[in-house]
Amino acid sequence: MDIRPENDDEHDVVLDIVRQAFGREGAVVAELVDALRRDDPDAVSLVAVEAGEVAGHVMFSRSLLDAPRQLVDVQVLSPLAVRPAYQHKGLGRELIRDGLARMDAQGVPLVFLEGDPGYYPRSGFAPGGDLGFRKPSLRIPDAAFQVVRLAAYEPWMTGTLVYSSTFWDLDCVGLRDPAA
């Protein structure tokens, strides 16, 4: 397996993987990927290539931590998508591992995500609330709001995660109550 930055000619393939991986939410998540590409030109978009086929994708984009001392540039891991035929083979964890290593090398102190509390702790993520961080929306389940601290992290870096406007514009924050 090879993990590398996504090429421009792979955008459609990545969007297809996202749609497949996210099922009924796939169209919205694919729209988020396109919007993040446009709104955050420095976003890190990685693909996993297996047997010559793009089999997975992960994206890291800029957000802020509203810490008492100052605003801190942080990253958000979203989304992580693996083609269904390649799921449950460790490909997602490898994408995360490689991406976190790149974030660490760039001096990023913190990476946040909303995700499965049974999956992401295997890659070093922990519940954000337990570590002094506040989620950007009450719609995010406490256990799903997760963070990993990297080498540039300093103990004063606590506070509230502030998603980039792209997440809000597409209503991709937390869970909506379908009955509301």
C-alpha atoms as a PDB file:
ATOM      1  CA  MET A   1       0.000   0.000   0.000  1.00  0.00           C
ATOM      2  CA  ASP A   2       1.186   3.476  -0.897  1.00  0.00           C
ATOM      3  CA  ILE A   3      -0.038   6.604   0.915  1.00  0.00           C
ATOM      4  CA  ARG A   4       0.573   9.882  -0.865  1.00  0.00           C
ATOM      5  CA  PRO A   5      -1.002  13.274  -1.570  1.00  0.00           C
ATOM      6  CA  GLU A   6      -4.064  13.146  -3.788  1.00  0.00           C
ATOM      7  CA  ASN A   7      -3.441  14.124  -7.417  1.00  0.00           C
ATOM      8  CA  ASP A   8      -5.704  16.630  -9.149  1.00  0.00           C
ATOM      9  CA  ASP A   9      -6.906  13.962 -11.581  1.00  0.00           C
ATOM     10  CA  GLU A  10      -8.106  11.781  -8.676  1.00  0.00           C
ATOM     11  CA  HIS A  11     -10.770  14.163  -7.348  1.00  0.00           C
ATOM     12  CA  ASP A  12     -13.684  12.273  -8.902  1.00  0.00           C
ATOM     13  CA  VAL A  13     -12.375   8.915  -7.681  1.00  0.00           C
ATOM     14  CA  VAL A  14     -12.032  10.296  -4.150  1.00  0.00           C
ATOM     15  CA  LEU A  15     -15.570  11.705  -4.237  1.00  0.00           C
ATOM     16  CA  ASP A  16     -16.856   8.308  -5.331  1.00  0.00           C
ATOM     17  CA  ILE A  17     -15.043   6.612  -2.429  1.00  0.00           C
ATOM     18  CA  VAL A  18     -16.518   9.139  -0.003  1.00  0.00           C
ATOM     19  CA  ARG A  19     -20.041   8.568  -1.358  1.00  0.00           C
ATOM     20  CA  GLN A  20     -19.631   4.791  -1.049  1.00  0.00           C
ATOM     21  CA  ALA A  21     -18.117   4.897   2.427  1.00  0.00           C
ATOM     22  CA  PHE A  22     -20.707   7.287   3.904  1.00  0.00           C
ATOM     23  CA  GLY A  23     -23.836   5.728   2.390  1.00  0.00           C
ATOM     24  CA  ARG A  24     -26.860   8.009   2.606  1.00  0.00           C
ATOM     25  CA  GLU A  25     -24.712  10.852   3.988  1.00  0.00           C
ATOM     26  CA  GLY A  26     -22.172  10.360   1.197  1.00  0.00           C
ATOM     27  CA  ALA A  27     -23.399  13.167  -1.056  1.00  0.00           C
ATOM     28  CA  VAL A  28     -23.103  15.761   1.715  1.00  0.00           C
ATOM     29  CA  VAL A  29     -19.673  14.522   2.792  1.00  0.00           C
ATOM     30  CA  ALA A  30     -18.481  14.566  -0.835  1.00  0.00           C
ATOM     31  CA  GLU A  31     -19.722  18.162  -1.070  1.00  0.00           C
ATOM     32  CA  LEU A  32     -17.709  18.920   2.082  1.00  0.00           C
ATOM     33  CA  VAL A  33     -14.545  17.496   0.474  1.00  0.00           C
ATOM     34  CA  ASP A  34     -15.028  19.687  -2.607  1.00  0.00           C
ATOM     35  CA  ALA A  35     -15.739  22.763  -0.493  1.00  0.00           C
ATOM     36  CA  LEU A  36     -12.691  22.180   1.725  1.00  0.00           C
ATOM     37  CA  ARG A  37     -10.493  21.836  -1.371  1.00  0.00           C
ATOM     38  CA  ARG A  38     -11.782  25.217  -2.543  1.00  0.00           C
ATOM     39  CA  ASP A  39     -11.910  27.025   0.827  1.00  0.00           C
ATOM     40  CA  ASP A  40      -8.677  25.693   2.354  1.00  0.00           C
ATOM     41  CA  PRO A  41      -6.012  25.471  -0.352  1.00  0.00           C
ATOM     42  CA  ASP A  42      -3.532  24.175   2.250  1.00  0.00           C
ATOM     43  CA  ALA A  43      -5.742  21.248   3.294  1.00  0.00           C
ATOM     44  CA  VAL A  44      -3.857  17.959   3.273  1.00  0.00           C
ATOM     45  CA  SER A  45      -5.670  15.371   1.174  1.00  0.00           C
ATOM     46  CA  LEU A  46      -4.085  11.919   1.168  1.00  0.00           C
ATOM     47  CA  VAL A  47      -4.973   8.762  -0.719  1.00  0.00           C
ATOM     48  CA  ALA A  48      -4.116   5.137  -0.114  1.00  0.00           C
ATOM     49  CA  VAL A  49      -3.316   3.188  -3.257  1.00  0.00           C
ATOM     50  CA  GLU A  50      -3.618  -0.586  -3.157  1.00  0.00           C
ATOM     51  CA  ALA A  51      -2.885  -2.759  -6.211  1.00  0.00           C
ATOM     52  CA  GLY A  52      -2.906   0.343  -8.420  1.00  0.00           C
ATOM     53  CA  GLU A  53      -6.348   1.464  -7.224  1.00  0.00           C
ATOM     54  CA  VAL A  54      -7.191   4.444  -5.003  1.00  0.00           C
ATOM     55  CA  ALA A  55      -8.766   2.625  -2.085  1.00  0.00           C
ATOM     56  CA  GLY A  56      -9.017   5.282   0.634  1.00  0.00           C
ATOM     57  CA  HIS A  57      -8.828   8.958   1.432  1.00  0.00           C
ATOM     58  CA  VAL A  58      -8.307  11.234   4.424  1.00  0.00           C
ATOM     59  CA  MET A  59      -8.387  15.023   4.660  1.00  0.00           C
ATOM     60  CA  PHE A  60      -6.937  17.411   7.235  1.00  0.00           C
ATOM     61  CA  SER A  61      -8.102  21.030   7.151  1.00  0.00           C
ATOM     62  CA  ARG A  62      -7.477  24.169   9.156  1.00  0.00           C
ATOM     63  CA  SER A  63      -9.597  25.237  12.108  1.00  0.00           C
ATOM     64  CA  LEU A  64      -8.926  27.215  15.270  1.00  0.00           C
ATOM     65  CA  LEU A  65      -8.725  26.538  18.972  1.00  0.00           C
ATOM     66  CA  ASP A  66     -10.059  29.488  20.974  1.00  0.00           C
ATOM     67  CA  ALA A  67      -7.600  29.250  23.871  1.00  0.00           C
ATOM     68  CA  PRO A  68      -7.567  31.829  26.683  1.00  0.00           C
ATOM     69  CA  ARG A  69      -4.059  33.033  25.758  1.00  0.00           C
ATOM     70  CA  GLN A  70      -4.558  33.255  21.977  1.00  0.00           C
ATOM     71  CA  LEU A  71      -6.130  31.597  18.956  1.00  0.00           C
ATOM     72  CA  VAL A  72      -4.235  28.454  17.947  1.00  0.00           C
ATOM     73  CA  ASP A  73      -4.147  27.015  14.429  1.00  0.00           C
ATOM     74  CA  VAL A  74      -5.207  23.368  14.611  1.00  0.00           C
ATOM     75  CA  GLN A  75      -6.338  20.740  12.121  1.00  0.00           C
ATOM     76  CA  VAL A  76      -9.521  18.720  11.761  1.00  0.00           C
ATOM     77  CA  LEU A  77      -9.428  15.195  10.374  1.00  0.00           C
ATOM     78  CA  SER A  78     -12.528  14.964   8.203  1.00  0.00           C
ATOM     79  CA  PRO A  79     -13.421  12.912   6.362  1.00  0.00           C
ATOM     80  CA  LEU A  80     -11.789   9.506   6.444  1.00  0.00           C
ATOM     81  CA  ALA A  81     -13.213   7.202   3.775  1.00  0.00           C
ATOM     82  CA  VAL A  82     -12.237   3.724   2.611  1.00  0.00           C
ATOM     83  CA  ARG A  83     -13.739   1.942  -0.380  1.00  0.00           C
ATOM     84  CA  PRO A  84     -16.025  -0.788   1.064  1.00  0.00           C
ATOM     85  CA  ALA A  85     -14.000  -3.632  -0.523  1.00  0.00           C
ATOM     86  CA  TYR A  86     -10.933  -2.455   1.441  1.00  0.00           C
ATOM     87  CA  GLN A  87     -12.566  -1.797   4.809  1.00  0.00           C
ATOM     88  CA  HIS A  88     -11.510  -3.735   7.919  1.00  0.00           C
ATOM     89  CA  LYS A  89      -7.977  -4.258   6.580  1.00  0.00           C
ATOM     90  CA  GLY A  90      -6.160  -1.477   8.474  1.00  0.00           C
ATOM     91  CA  LEU A  91      -6.098   0.950   5.560  1.00  0.00           C
ATOM     92  CA  GLY A  92      -7.947   3.675   7.485  1.00  0.00           C
ATOM     93  CA  ARG A  93      -5.547   3.460  10.424  1.00  0.00           C
ATOM     94  CA  GLU A  94      -2.596   3.719   8.029  1.00  0.00           C
ATOM     95  CA  LEU A  95      -4.083   6.849   6.430  1.00  0.00           C
ATOM     96  CA  ILE A  96      -4.541   8.354   9.895  1.00  0.00           C
ATOM     97  CA  ARG A  97      -1.019   7.379  11.006  1.00  0.00           C
ATOM     98  CA  ASP A  98       0.580   8.887   7.913  1.00  0.00           C
ATOM     99  CA  GLY A  99      -1.558  12.023   8.120  1.00  0.00           C
ATOM    100  CA  LEU A 100      -0.782  12.574  11.804  1.00  0.00           C
ATOM    101  CA  ALA A 101       2.940  12.177  11.090  1.00  0.00           C
ATOM    102  CA  ARG A 102       2.652  14.869   8.414  1.00  0.00           C
ATOM    103  CA  MET A 103       0.727  17.152  10.792  1.00  0.00           C
ATOM    104  CA  ASP A 104       3.358  16.609  13.480  1.00  0.00           C
ATOM    105  CA  ALA A 105       6.168  17.416  11.016  1.00  0.00           C
ATOM    106  CA  GLN A 106       4.362  20.662  10.117  1.00  0.00           C
ATOM    107  CA  GLY A 107       4.235  21.709  13.776  1.00  0.00           C
ATOM    108  CA  VAL A 108       0.477  21.256  14.193  1.00  0.00           C
ATOM    109  CA  PRO A 109      -0.220  20.974  17.938  1.00  0.00           C
ATOM    110  CA  LEU A 110      -3.675  19.368  17.872  1.00  0.00           C
ATOM    111  CA  VAL A 111      -5.877  17.387  15.504  1.00  0.00           C
ATOM    112  CA  PHE A 112      -9.601  17.144  16.252  1.00  0.00           C
ATOM    113  CA  LEU A 113     -12.369  15.021  14.779  1.00  0.00           C
ATOM    114  CA  GLU A 114     -15.949  13.875  15.206  1.00  0.00           C
ATOM    115  CA  GLY A 115     -15.999  10.132  14.971  1.00  0.00           C
ATOM    116  CA  ASP A 116     -16.594   6.657  16.293  1.00  0.00           C
ATOM    117  CA  PRO A 117     -15.230   6.416  19.863  1.00  0.00           C
ATOM    118  CA  GLY A 118     -14.624   2.710  19.281  1.00  0.00           C
ATOM    119  CA  TYR A 119     -12.378   3.288  16.263  1.00  0.00           C
ATOM    120  CA  TYR A 120     -10.235   6.402  16.611  1.00  0.00           C
ATOM    121  CA  PRO A 121      -8.631   5.750  20.037  1.00  0.00           C
ATOM    122  CA  ARG A 122      -6.597   2.992  18.326  1.00  0.00           C
ATOM    123  CA  SER A 123      -4.899   5.827  16.445  1.00  0.00           C
ATOM    124  CA  GLY A 124      -4.171   7.911  19.542  1.00  0.00           C
ATOM    125  CA  PHE A 125      -7.344   9.996  19.762  1.00  0.00           C
ATOM    126  CA  ALA A 126      -9.009  10.624  23.127  1.00  0.00           C
ATOM    127  CA  PRO A 127     -12.254  12.310  24.177  1.00  0.00           C
ATOM    128  CA  GLY A 128     -11.663  16.056  23.893  1.00  0.00           C
ATOM    129  CA  GLY A 129     -13.773  16.958  26.919  1.00  0.00           C
ATOM    130  CA  ASP A 130     -11.588  14.786  29.154  1.00  0.00           C
ATOM    131  CA  LEU A 131      -8.531  16.793  28.073  1.00  0.00           C
ATOM    132  CA  GLY A 132      -9.897  20.306  28.637  1.00  0.00           C
ATOM    133  CA  PHE A 133     -11.377  21.013  25.209  1.00  0.00           C
ATOM    134  CA  ARG A 134     -14.886  22.178  24.416  1.00  0.00           C
ATOM    135  CA  LYS A 135     -16.776  21.013  21.371  1.00  0.00           C
ATOM    136  CA  PRO A 136     -18.005  23.586  18.857  1.00  0.00           C
ATOM    137  CA  SER A 137     -21.628  22.373  18.991  1.00  0.00           C
ATOM    138  CA  LEU A 138     -23.919  20.714  21.496  1.00  0.00           C
ATOM    139  CA  ARG A 139     -25.038  18.421  18.649  1.00  0.00           C
ATOM    140  CA  ILE A 140     -21.701  16.584  18.812  1.00  0.00           C
ATOM    141  CA  PRO A 141     -21.919  13.602  21.172  1.00  0.00           C
ATOM    142  CA  ASP A 142     -19.306  13.913  23.919  1.00  0.00           C
ATOM    143  CA  ALA A 143     -17.679  10.570  23.066  1.00  0.00           C
ATOM    144  CA  ALA A 144     -17.440  11.498  19.360  1.00  0.00           C
ATOM    145  CA  PHE A 145     -15.549  14.757  20.010  1.00  0.00           C
ATOM    146  CA  GLN A 146     -11.931  13.569  19.962  1.00  0.00           C
ATOM    147  CA  VAL A 147      -8.439  15.015  19.819  1.00  0.00           C
ATOM    148  CA  VAL A 148      -4.841  13.914  19.543  1.00  0.00           C
ATOM    149  CA  ARG A 149      -2.043  16.048  20.962  1.00  0.00           C
ATOM    150  CA  LEU A 150       1.118  16.251  18.856  1.00  0.00           C
ATOM    151  CA  ALA A 151       4.667  17.352  19.720  1.00  0.00           C
ATOM    152  CA  ALA A 152       3.961  21.106  19.323  1.00  0.00           C
ATOM    153  CA  TYR A 153       1.138  20.953  21.887  1.00  0.00           C
ATOM    154  CA  GLU A 154       1.639  23.037  25.036  1.00  0.00           C
ATOM    155  CA  PRO A 155      -0.404  22.652  28.255  1.00  0.00           C
ATOM    156  CA  TRP A 156      -1.944  26.135  27.959  1.00  0.00           C
ATOM    157  CA  MET A 157      -3.600  25.087  24.693  1.00  0.00           C
ATOM    158  CA  THR A 158      -7.101  24.369  25.972  1.00  0.00           C
ATOM    159  CA  GLY A 159     -10.392  25.926  24.997  1.00  0.00           C
ATOM    160  CA  THR A 160     -13.077  25.641  22.351  1.00  0.00           C
ATOM    161  CA  LEU A 161     -12.653  24.182  18.884  1.00  0.00           C
ATOM    162  CA  VAL A 162     -13.887  26.601  16.216  1.00  0.00           C
ATOM    163  CA  TYR A 163     -14.615  24.855  12.938  1.00  0.00           C
ATOM    164  CA  SER A 164     -13.888  26.647   9.696  1.00  0.00           C
ATOM    165  CA  SER A 165     -16.971  28.200   8.129  1.00  0.00           C
ATOM    166  CA  THR A 166     -17.070  25.444   5.500  1.00  0.00           C
ATOM    167  CA  PHE A 167     -18.317  22.911   8.063  1.00  0.00           C
ATOM    168  CA  TRP A 168     -21.065  25.303   9.176  1.00  0.00           C
ATOM    169  CA  ASP A 169     -22.041  26.368   5.660  1.00  0.00           C
ATOM    170  CA  LEU A 170     -22.726  22.734   4.738  1.00  0.00           C
ATOM    171  CA  ASP A 171     -24.267  21.881   8.127  1.00  0.00           C
ATOM    172  CA  CYS A 172     -21.635  19.193   8.709  1.00  0.00           C
ATOM    173  CA  VAL A 173     -21.283  19.717  12.457  1.00  0.00           C
ATOM    174  CA  GLY A 174     -22.713  17.167  14.857  1.00  0.00           C
ATOM    175  CA  LEU A 175     -25.867  15.154  14.453  1.00  0.00           C
ATOM    176  CA  ARG A 176     -29.191  16.629  13.350  1.00  0.00           C
ATOM    177  CA  ASP A 177     -32.326  15.371  15.039  1.00  0.00           C
ATOM    178  CA  PRO A 178     -34.411  14.040  12.137  1.00  0.00           C
ATOM    179  CA  ALA A 179     -37.587  14.437  14.210  1.00  0.00           C
ATOM    180  CA  ALA A 180     -36.996  18.148  14.820  1.00  0.00           C
END
